[in-house]
Amino acid sequence: MPREFSRPQRLGDQLQKELAVLLQREVRDPRVSMLSVNAVKVSKDLGYADVYYSVIGTEELAEDSPKIQEIQKVLKGASGFLRTQLGARVKTRIVPHLRFHFDAAVIQGRHLSSLIDRARNEDNSRAIQRGDDSDVDEQG
């Protein structure tokens, strides 16, 4: 039996697609041109939508960096415009209020991946120093 999605999930998916298009084509601020909308989670009462975004090409930024704070201000200022545009594109009685959150999961994922790669390389170099080629990872 196929898994059924709740209305907030379906609306969140639709809002994510529409917001990605709106941010690329309609918002004329260069500070938000490199945003990627990672997820949109809509509350059960459909009153609020938490929009999680990341900034493409700025892997080293943290949530409290001045650039992210500036982008937050731009997004907060554009939220009314975005809601109006979403209202015209999405067929729903009420368009949720938008709350924007910087998504650091991509940065954390890259950091964890680099830690794993470093540990794998250290294990490979130790195995080579011992002269045991059977423990050497073929990828490393």
N, C-alpha and C. Protein backbone atom coordinates (compact mmCIF):
# COMPACT_ATOMS: atom_id res chain seq x y z
N MET A 1 0.83 -1.17 0.00
CA MET A 1 0.00 0.00 0.00
C MET A 1 0.88 1.24 0.00
N PRO A 2 0.65 2.18 -0.91
CA PRO A 2 1.50 3.37 -0.97
C PRO A 2 1.34 4.23 0.27
N ARG A 3 2.44 4.84 0.64
CA ARG A 3 2.43 5.71 1.81
C ARG A 3 1.70 7.01 1.46
N GLU A 4 0.81 7.41 2.32
CA GLU A 4 0.07 8.64 2.08
C GLU A 4 0.78 9.79 2.78
N PHE A 5 0.82 10.91 2.11
CA PHE A 5 1.45 12.09 2.66
C PHE A 5 0.38 13.00 3.24
N SER A 6 0.72 13.61 4.36
CA SER A 6 -0.24 14.51 4.99
C SER A 6 -0.31 15.82 4.20
N ARG A 7 -1.35 16.56 4.46
CA ARG A 7 -1.52 17.83 3.76
C ARG A 7 -0.36 18.79 4.01
N PRO A 8 0.12 18.93 5.26
CA PRO A 8 1.28 19.82 5.46
C PRO A 8 2.51 19.38 4.65
N GLN A 9 2.73 18.07 4.53
CA GLN A 9 3.87 17.60 3.74
C GLN A 9 3.70 17.94 2.26
N ARG A 10 2.52 17.72 1.74
CA ARG A 10 2.27 18.02 0.32
C ARG A 10 2.41 19.52 0.06
N LEU A 11 1.85 20.33 0.96
CA LEU A 11 1.95 21.78 0.80
C LEU A 11 3.40 22.23 0.92
N GLY A 12 4.14 21.64 1.84
CA GLY A 12 5.56 21.97 2.00
C GLY A 12 6.36 21.67 0.75
N ASP A 13 6.10 20.53 0.13
CA ASP A 13 6.80 20.18 -1.12
C ASP A 13 6.47 21.18 -2.22
N GLN A 14 5.21 21.55 -2.31
CA GLN A 14 4.79 22.49 -3.34
C GLN A 14 5.40 23.88 -3.08
N LEU A 15 5.39 24.30 -1.83
CA LEU A 15 5.98 25.60 -1.49
C LEU A 15 7.48 25.62 -1.76
N GLN A 16 8.15 24.51 -1.50
CA GLN A 16 9.59 24.43 -1.75
C GLN A 16 9.89 24.67 -3.23
N LYS A 17 9.14 24.01 -4.09
CA LYS A 17 9.36 24.17 -5.53
C LYS A 17 9.07 25.60 -5.98
N GLU A 18 7.97 26.14 -5.52
CA GLU A 18 7.59 27.49 -5.93
C GLU A 18 8.55 28.55 -5.38
N LEU A 19 8.97 28.39 -4.12
CA LEU A 19 9.91 29.35 -3.54
C LEU A 19 11.25 29.34 -4.27
N ALA A 20 11.71 28.16 -4.66
CA ALA A 20 12.97 28.07 -5.40
C ALA A 20 12.88 28.87 -6.70
N VAL A 21 11.76 28.74 -7.39
CA VAL A 21 11.57 29.48 -8.64
C VAL A 21 11.46 30.98 -8.37
N LEU A 22 10.68 31.34 -7.36
CA LEU A 22 10.50 32.76 -7.04
C LEU A 22 11.81 33.43 -6.65
N LEU A 23 12.61 32.76 -5.83
CA LEU A 23 13.87 33.36 -5.39
C LEU A 23 14.84 33.53 -6.56
N GLN A 24 14.79 32.64 -7.53
CA GLN A 24 15.67 32.75 -8.69
C GLN A 24 15.20 33.80 -9.68
N ARG A 25 13.89 33.90 -9.90
CA ARG A 25 13.38 34.72 -11.00
C ARG A 25 12.75 36.04 -10.59
N GLU A 26 12.15 36.10 -9.42
CA GLU A 26 11.36 37.27 -9.06
C GLU A 26 12.04 38.20 -8.07
N VAL A 27 12.81 37.67 -7.15
CA VAL A 27 13.49 38.51 -6.16
C VAL A 27 14.76 39.05 -6.80
N ARG A 28 14.82 40.35 -6.95
CA ARG A 28 15.91 40.99 -7.69
C ARG A 28 17.04 41.46 -6.77
N ASP A 29 17.33 40.71 -5.76
CA ASP A 29 18.41 41.07 -4.85
C ASP A 29 19.56 40.08 -5.06
N PRO A 30 20.75 40.56 -5.41
CA PRO A 30 21.86 39.64 -5.69
C PRO A 30 22.29 38.82 -4.47
N ARG A 31 21.94 39.27 -3.28
CA ARG A 31 22.32 38.53 -2.08
C ARG A 31 21.58 37.21 -1.94
N VAL A 32 20.43 37.07 -2.59
CA VAL A 32 19.66 35.83 -2.49
C VAL A 32 19.69 35.03 -3.79
N SER A 33 20.52 35.44 -4.74
CA SER A 33 20.55 34.74 -6.02
C SER A 33 21.18 33.35 -5.92
N MET A 34 22.00 33.11 -4.93
CA MET A 34 22.68 31.83 -4.79
C MET A 34 22.11 30.98 -3.65
N LEU A 35 20.82 31.12 -3.40
CA LEU A 35 20.18 30.34 -2.35
C LEU A 35 19.63 29.04 -2.91
N SER A 36 19.65 28.03 -2.08
CA SER A 36 19.02 26.76 -2.40
C SER A 36 18.02 26.46 -1.30
N VAL A 37 16.77 26.25 -1.67
CA VAL A 37 15.74 25.92 -0.69
C VAL A 37 15.81 24.41 -0.45
N ASN A 38 16.27 24.03 0.74
CA ASN A 38 16.49 22.61 1.05
C ASN A 38 15.22 21.91 1.49
N ALA A 39 14.40 22.58 2.27
CA ALA A 39 13.17 21.96 2.78
C ALA A 39 12.21 23.04 3.24
N VAL A 40 10.93 22.68 3.23
CA VAL A 40 9.89 23.54 3.79
C VAL A 40 9.01 22.66 4.65
N LYS A 41 8.93 23.01 5.93
CA LYS A 41 8.09 22.25 6.86
C LYS A 41 6.93 23.12 7.29
N VAL A 42 5.73 22.66 6.98
CA VAL A 42 4.52 23.42 7.26
C VAL A 42 3.91 22.90 8.55
N SER A 43 3.45 23.82 9.41
CA SER A 43 2.81 23.42 10.67
C SER A 43 1.49 22.71 10.38
N LYS A 44 1.02 21.96 11.36
CA LYS A 44 -0.21 21.17 11.17
C LYS A 44 -1.42 22.04 10.86
N ASP A 45 -1.46 23.25 11.44
CA ASP A 45 -2.60 24.13 11.18
C ASP A 45 -2.41 24.96 9.91
N LEU A 46 -1.32 24.72 9.19
CA LEU A 46 -0.98 25.40 7.92
C LEU A 46 -0.76 26.90 8.10
N GLY A 47 -0.51 27.34 9.31
CA GLY A 47 -0.32 28.76 9.57
C GLY A 47 1.10 29.24 9.35
N TYR A 48 2.08 28.36 9.51
CA TYR A 48 3.48 28.74 9.38
C TYR A 48 4.21 27.73 8.51
N ALA A 49 5.18 28.25 7.77
CA ALA A 49 6.06 27.39 6.98
C ALA A 49 7.50 27.77 7.33
N ASP A 50 8.24 26.80 7.84
CA ASP A 50 9.65 27.00 8.13
C ASP A 50 10.45 26.62 6.89
N VAL A 51 11.13 27.61 6.32
CA VAL A 51 11.87 27.42 5.07
C VAL A 51 13.35 27.29 5.43
N TYR A 52 13.94 26.14 5.10
CA TYR A 52 15.35 25.87 5.37
C TYR A 52 16.13 26.06 4.08
N TYR A 53 17.15 26.92 4.13
CA TYR A 53 17.92 27.23 2.93
C TYR A 53 19.41 27.13 3.21
N SER A 54 20.17 26.97 2.14
CA SER A 54 21.62 27.05 2.23
C SER A 54 22.09 27.99 1.13
N VAL A 55 23.32 28.45 1.27
CA VAL A 55 23.89 29.38 0.31
C VAL A 55 24.93 28.62 -0.50
N ILE A 56 24.74 28.59 -1.80
CA ILE A 56 25.63 27.84 -2.68
C ILE A 56 26.96 28.57 -2.80
N GLY A 57 28.05 27.81 -2.66
CA GLY A 57 29.38 28.38 -2.85
C GLY A 57 29.99 29.00 -1.62
N THR A 58 29.35 28.89 -0.48
CA THR A 58 29.90 29.46 0.76
C THR A 58 29.89 28.39 1.84
N GLU A 59 30.74 27.38 1.65
CA GLU A 59 30.75 26.25 2.57
C GLU A 59 31.25 26.60 3.96
N GLU A 60 32.05 27.65 4.06
CA GLU A 60 32.66 27.97 5.35
C GLU A 60 31.82 28.88 6.23
N LEU A 61 30.67 29.32 5.75
CA LEU A 61 29.84 30.24 6.54
C LEU A 61 29.13 29.53 7.68
N ALA A 62 29.03 30.22 8.79
CA ALA A 62 28.26 29.72 9.93
C ALA A 62 26.97 30.52 10.02
N GLU A 63 26.05 30.01 10.82
CA GLU A 63 24.74 30.66 10.94
C GLU A 63 24.83 32.08 11.48
N ASP A 64 25.84 32.34 12.31
CA ASP A 64 25.95 33.67 12.91
C ASP A 64 26.88 34.61 12.13
N SER A 65 27.28 34.22 10.92
CA SER A 65 28.16 35.08 10.13
C SER A 65 27.38 36.30 9.62
N PRO A 66 28.07 37.42 9.40
CA PRO A 66 27.39 38.64 8.94
C PRO A 66 26.66 38.44 7.61
N LYS A 67 27.23 37.66 6.71
CA LYS A 67 26.59 37.45 5.41
C LYS A 67 25.26 36.72 5.57
N ILE A 68 25.22 35.71 6.42
CA ILE A 68 23.97 34.96 6.65
C ILE A 68 22.96 35.86 7.34
N GLN A 69 23.40 36.68 8.29
CA GLN A 69 22.49 37.61 8.96
C GLN A 69 21.89 38.60 7.96
N GLU A 70 22.70 39.05 7.01
CA GLU A 70 22.22 39.98 5.99
C GLU A 70 21.19 39.29 5.08
N ILE A 71 21.46 38.05 4.70
CA ILE A 71 20.52 37.29 3.87
C ILE A 71 19.22 37.07 4.63
N GLN A 72 19.32 36.79 5.93
CA GLN A 72 18.12 36.61 6.76
C GLN A 72 17.24 37.87 6.72
N LYS A 73 17.87 39.05 6.83
CA LYS A 73 17.12 40.30 6.79
C LYS A 73 16.43 40.49 5.44
N VAL A 74 17.14 40.17 4.36
CA VAL A 74 16.55 40.31 3.02
C VAL A 74 15.36 39.37 2.88
N LEU A 75 15.51 38.13 3.32
CA LEU A 75 14.42 37.16 3.21
C LEU A 75 13.23 37.56 4.06
N LYS A 76 13.50 38.06 5.26
CA LYS A 76 12.41 38.50 6.12
C LYS A 76 11.67 39.67 5.49
N GLY A 77 12.41 40.58 4.87
CA GLY A 77 11.79 41.71 4.20
C GLY A 77 10.99 41.31 2.97
N ALA A 78 11.43 40.25 2.30
CA ALA A 78 10.75 39.79 1.09
C ALA A 78 9.64 38.79 1.38
N SER A 79 9.44 38.42 2.63
CA SER A 79 8.47 37.36 2.94
C SER A 79 7.05 37.75 2.55
N GLY A 80 6.68 39.01 2.71
CA GLY A 80 5.34 39.45 2.30
C GLY A 80 5.14 39.34 0.80
N PHE A 81 6.13 39.78 0.04
CA PHE A 81 6.08 39.65 -1.41
C PHE A 81 6.00 38.18 -1.82
N LEU A 82 6.82 37.35 -1.18
CA LEU A 82 6.83 35.92 -1.51
C LEU A 82 5.49 35.27 -1.19
N ARG A 83 4.89 35.65 -0.06
CA ARG A 83 3.56 35.10 0.29
C ARG A 83 2.52 35.50 -0.74
N THR A 84 2.57 36.75 -1.19
CA THR A 84 1.62 37.21 -2.20
C THR A 84 1.79 36.41 -3.49
N GLN A 85 3.03 36.22 -3.91
CA GLN A 85 3.30 35.46 -5.12
C GLN A 85 2.88 33.99 -4.96
N LEU A 86 3.13 33.43 -3.79
CA LEU A 86 2.72 32.05 -3.54
C LEU A 86 1.21 31.92 -3.57
N GLY A 87 0.51 32.93 -3.05
CA GLY A 87 -0.95 32.91 -3.07
C GLY A 87 -1.50 32.84 -4.47
N ALA A 88 -0.82 33.48 -5.42
CA ALA A 88 -1.27 33.44 -6.81
C ALA A 88 -0.92 32.12 -7.49
N ARG A 89 0.12 31.43 -7.01
CA ARG A 89 0.58 30.21 -7.66
C ARG A 89 0.06 28.93 -7.02
N VAL A 90 -0.19 28.97 -5.73
CA VAL A 90 -0.62 27.78 -4.99
C VAL A 90 -2.10 27.91 -4.68
N LYS A 91 -2.83 26.90 -5.02
CA LYS A 91 -4.29 26.93 -4.80
C LYS A 91 -4.61 26.45 -3.38
N THR A 92 -4.58 27.38 -2.46
CA THR A 92 -4.93 27.08 -1.07
C THR A 92 -5.60 28.32 -0.49
N ARG A 93 -6.46 28.08 0.48
CA ARG A 93 -7.19 29.19 1.09
C ARG A 93 -6.26 30.15 1.81
N ILE A 94 -5.35 29.60 2.56
CA ILE A 94 -4.45 30.40 3.38
C ILE A 94 -3.01 30.07 2.99
N VAL A 95 -2.21 31.09 2.76
CA VAL A 95 -0.79 30.89 2.51
C VAL A 95 -0.08 31.06 3.85
N PRO A 96 0.71 30.08 4.26
CA PRO A 96 1.36 30.17 5.57
C PRO A 96 2.35 31.34 5.67
N HIS A 97 2.54 31.83 6.88
CA HIS A 97 3.58 32.82 7.14
C HIS A 97 4.92 32.12 6.97
N LEU A 98 5.87 32.80 6.35
CA LEU A 98 7.17 32.20 6.05
C LEU A 98 8.19 32.59 7.12
N ARG A 99 8.88 31.58 7.63
CA ARG A 99 9.98 31.79 8.57
C ARG A 99 11.21 31.14 7.97
N PHE A 100 12.26 31.91 7.78
CA PHE A 100 13.46 31.42 7.10
C PHE A 100 14.52 31.02 8.12
N HIS A 101 15.17 29.87 7.84
CA HIS A 101 16.22 29.34 8.72
C HIS A 101 17.40 28.90 7.85
N PHE A 102 18.60 29.31 8.26
CA PHE A 102 19.80 28.84 7.57
C PHE A 102 19.99 27.37 7.91
N ASP A 103 20.19 26.55 6.89
CA ASP A 103 20.35 25.10 7.07
C ASP A 103 21.83 24.76 7.02
N ALA A 104 22.39 24.46 8.18
CA ALA A 104 23.81 24.14 8.26
C ALA A 104 24.08 22.66 8.04
N ALA A 105 23.08 21.88 7.70
CA ALA A 105 23.26 20.43 7.53
C ALA A 105 24.23 20.12 6.40
N VAL A 106 24.22 20.90 5.34
CA VAL A 106 25.13 20.66 4.22
C VAL A 106 26.56 20.88 4.67
N ILE A 107 26.80 21.93 5.43
CA ILE A 107 28.14 22.22 5.93
C ILE A 107 28.59 21.13 6.90
N GLN A 108 27.69 20.72 7.79
CA GLN A 108 28.02 19.66 8.74
C GLN A 108 28.30 18.35 8.02
N GLY A 109 27.55 18.06 6.96
CA GLY A 109 27.78 16.85 6.18
C GLY A 109 29.15 16.85 5.53
N ARG A 110 29.54 17.98 4.97
CA ARG A 110 30.87 18.08 4.35
C ARG A 110 31.96 17.91 5.39
N HIS A 111 31.75 18.50 6.57
CA HIS A 111 32.74 18.38 7.64
C HIS A 111 32.89 16.92 8.07
N LEU A 112 31.77 16.24 8.27
CA LEU A 112 31.83 14.82 8.66
C LEU A 112 32.49 13.98 7.58
N SER A 113 32.18 14.27 6.33
CA SER A 113 32.79 13.54 5.22
C SER A 113 34.30 13.74 5.20
N SER A 114 34.75 14.97 5.45
CA SER A 114 36.19 15.22 5.48
C SER A 114 36.86 14.51 6.66
N LEU A 115 36.17 14.44 7.80
CA LEU A 115 36.72 13.71 8.94
C LEU A 115 36.84 12.22 8.64
N ILE A 116 35.84 11.66 7.98
CA ILE A 116 35.88 10.24 7.61
C ILE A 116 37.01 9.99 6.62
N ASP A 117 37.17 10.88 5.63
CA ASP A 117 38.25 10.72 4.66
C ASP A 117 39.61 10.80 5.33
N ARG A 118 39.76 11.74 6.28
CA ARG A 118 41.03 11.87 6.97
C ARG A 118 41.34 10.62 7.79
N ALA A 119 40.33 10.08 8.49
CA ALA A 119 40.54 8.86 9.27
C ALA A 119 40.89 7.68 8.36
N ARG A 120 40.23 7.60 7.22
CA ARG A 120 40.52 6.51 6.27
C ARG A 120 41.94 6.62 5.75
N ASN A 121 42.38 7.84 5.43
CA ASN A 121 43.75 8.04 4.94
C ASN A 121 44.78 7.69 6.01
N GLU A 122 44.50 8.06 7.27
CA GLU A 122 45.41 7.72 8.35
C GLU A 122 45.49 6.21 8.54
N ASP A 123 44.36 5.52 8.46
CA ASP A 123 44.37 4.06 8.56
C ASP A 123 45.17 3.43 7.43
N ASN A 124 45.01 3.95 6.23
CA ASN A 124 45.75 3.42 5.08
C ASN A 124 47.24 3.64 5.24
N SER A 125 47.64 4.82 5.71
CA SER A 125 49.07 5.09 5.88
C SER A 125 49.67 4.23 6.99
N ARG A 126 48.91 3.96 8.05
CA ARG A 126 49.40 3.07 9.10
C ARG A 126 49.55 1.64 8.59
N ALA A 127 48.62 1.20 7.76
CA ALA A 127 48.69 -0.15 7.20
C ALA A 127 49.89 -0.27 6.27
N ILE A 128 50.18 0.77 5.51
CA ILE A 128 51.33 0.74 4.62
C ILE A 128 52.62 0.73 5.43
N GLN A 129 52.68 1.49 6.52
CA GLN A 129 53.87 1.52 7.36
C GLN A 129 54.13 0.17 8.00
N ARG A 130 53.06 -0.55 8.34
CA ARG A 130 53.22 -1.89 8.92
C ARG A 130 53.59 -2.91 7.85
N GLY A 131 53.39 -2.53 6.60
CA GLY A 131 53.68 -3.45 5.51
C GLY A 131 52.54 -4.41 5.23
N ASP A 132 51.38 -4.10 5.73
CA ASP A 132 50.21 -4.95 5.55
C ASP A 132 49.32 -4.33 4.48
N ASP A 133 49.46 -4.81 3.25
CA ASP A 133 48.69 -4.25 2.13
C ASP A 133 47.25 -4.70 2.12
N SER A 134 46.88 -5.73 2.87
CA SER A 134 45.51 -6.23 2.83
C SER A 134 44.53 -5.27 3.50
N ASP A 135 45.01 -4.40 4.40
CA ASP A 135 44.14 -3.45 5.09
C ASP A 135 43.96 -2.14 4.33
N VAL A 136 44.70 -1.96 3.25
CA VAL A 136 44.64 -0.70 2.51
C VAL A 136 43.35 -0.64 1.71
N ASP A 137 42.66 0.45 1.87
CA ASP A 137 41.41 0.67 1.15
C ASP A 137 41.72 0.96 -0.32
N GLU A 138 41.00 0.31 -1.23
CA GLU A 138 41.26 0.49 -2.65
C GLU A 138 40.96 1.91 -3.12
N GLN A 139 40.03 2.61 -2.44
CA GLN A 139 39.68 3.96 -2.86
C GLN A 139 40.71 4.98 -2.41
N GLY A 140 41.41 4.73 -1.35
CA GLY A 140 42.31 5.72 -0.76
C GLY A 140 43.65 5.58 -1.19
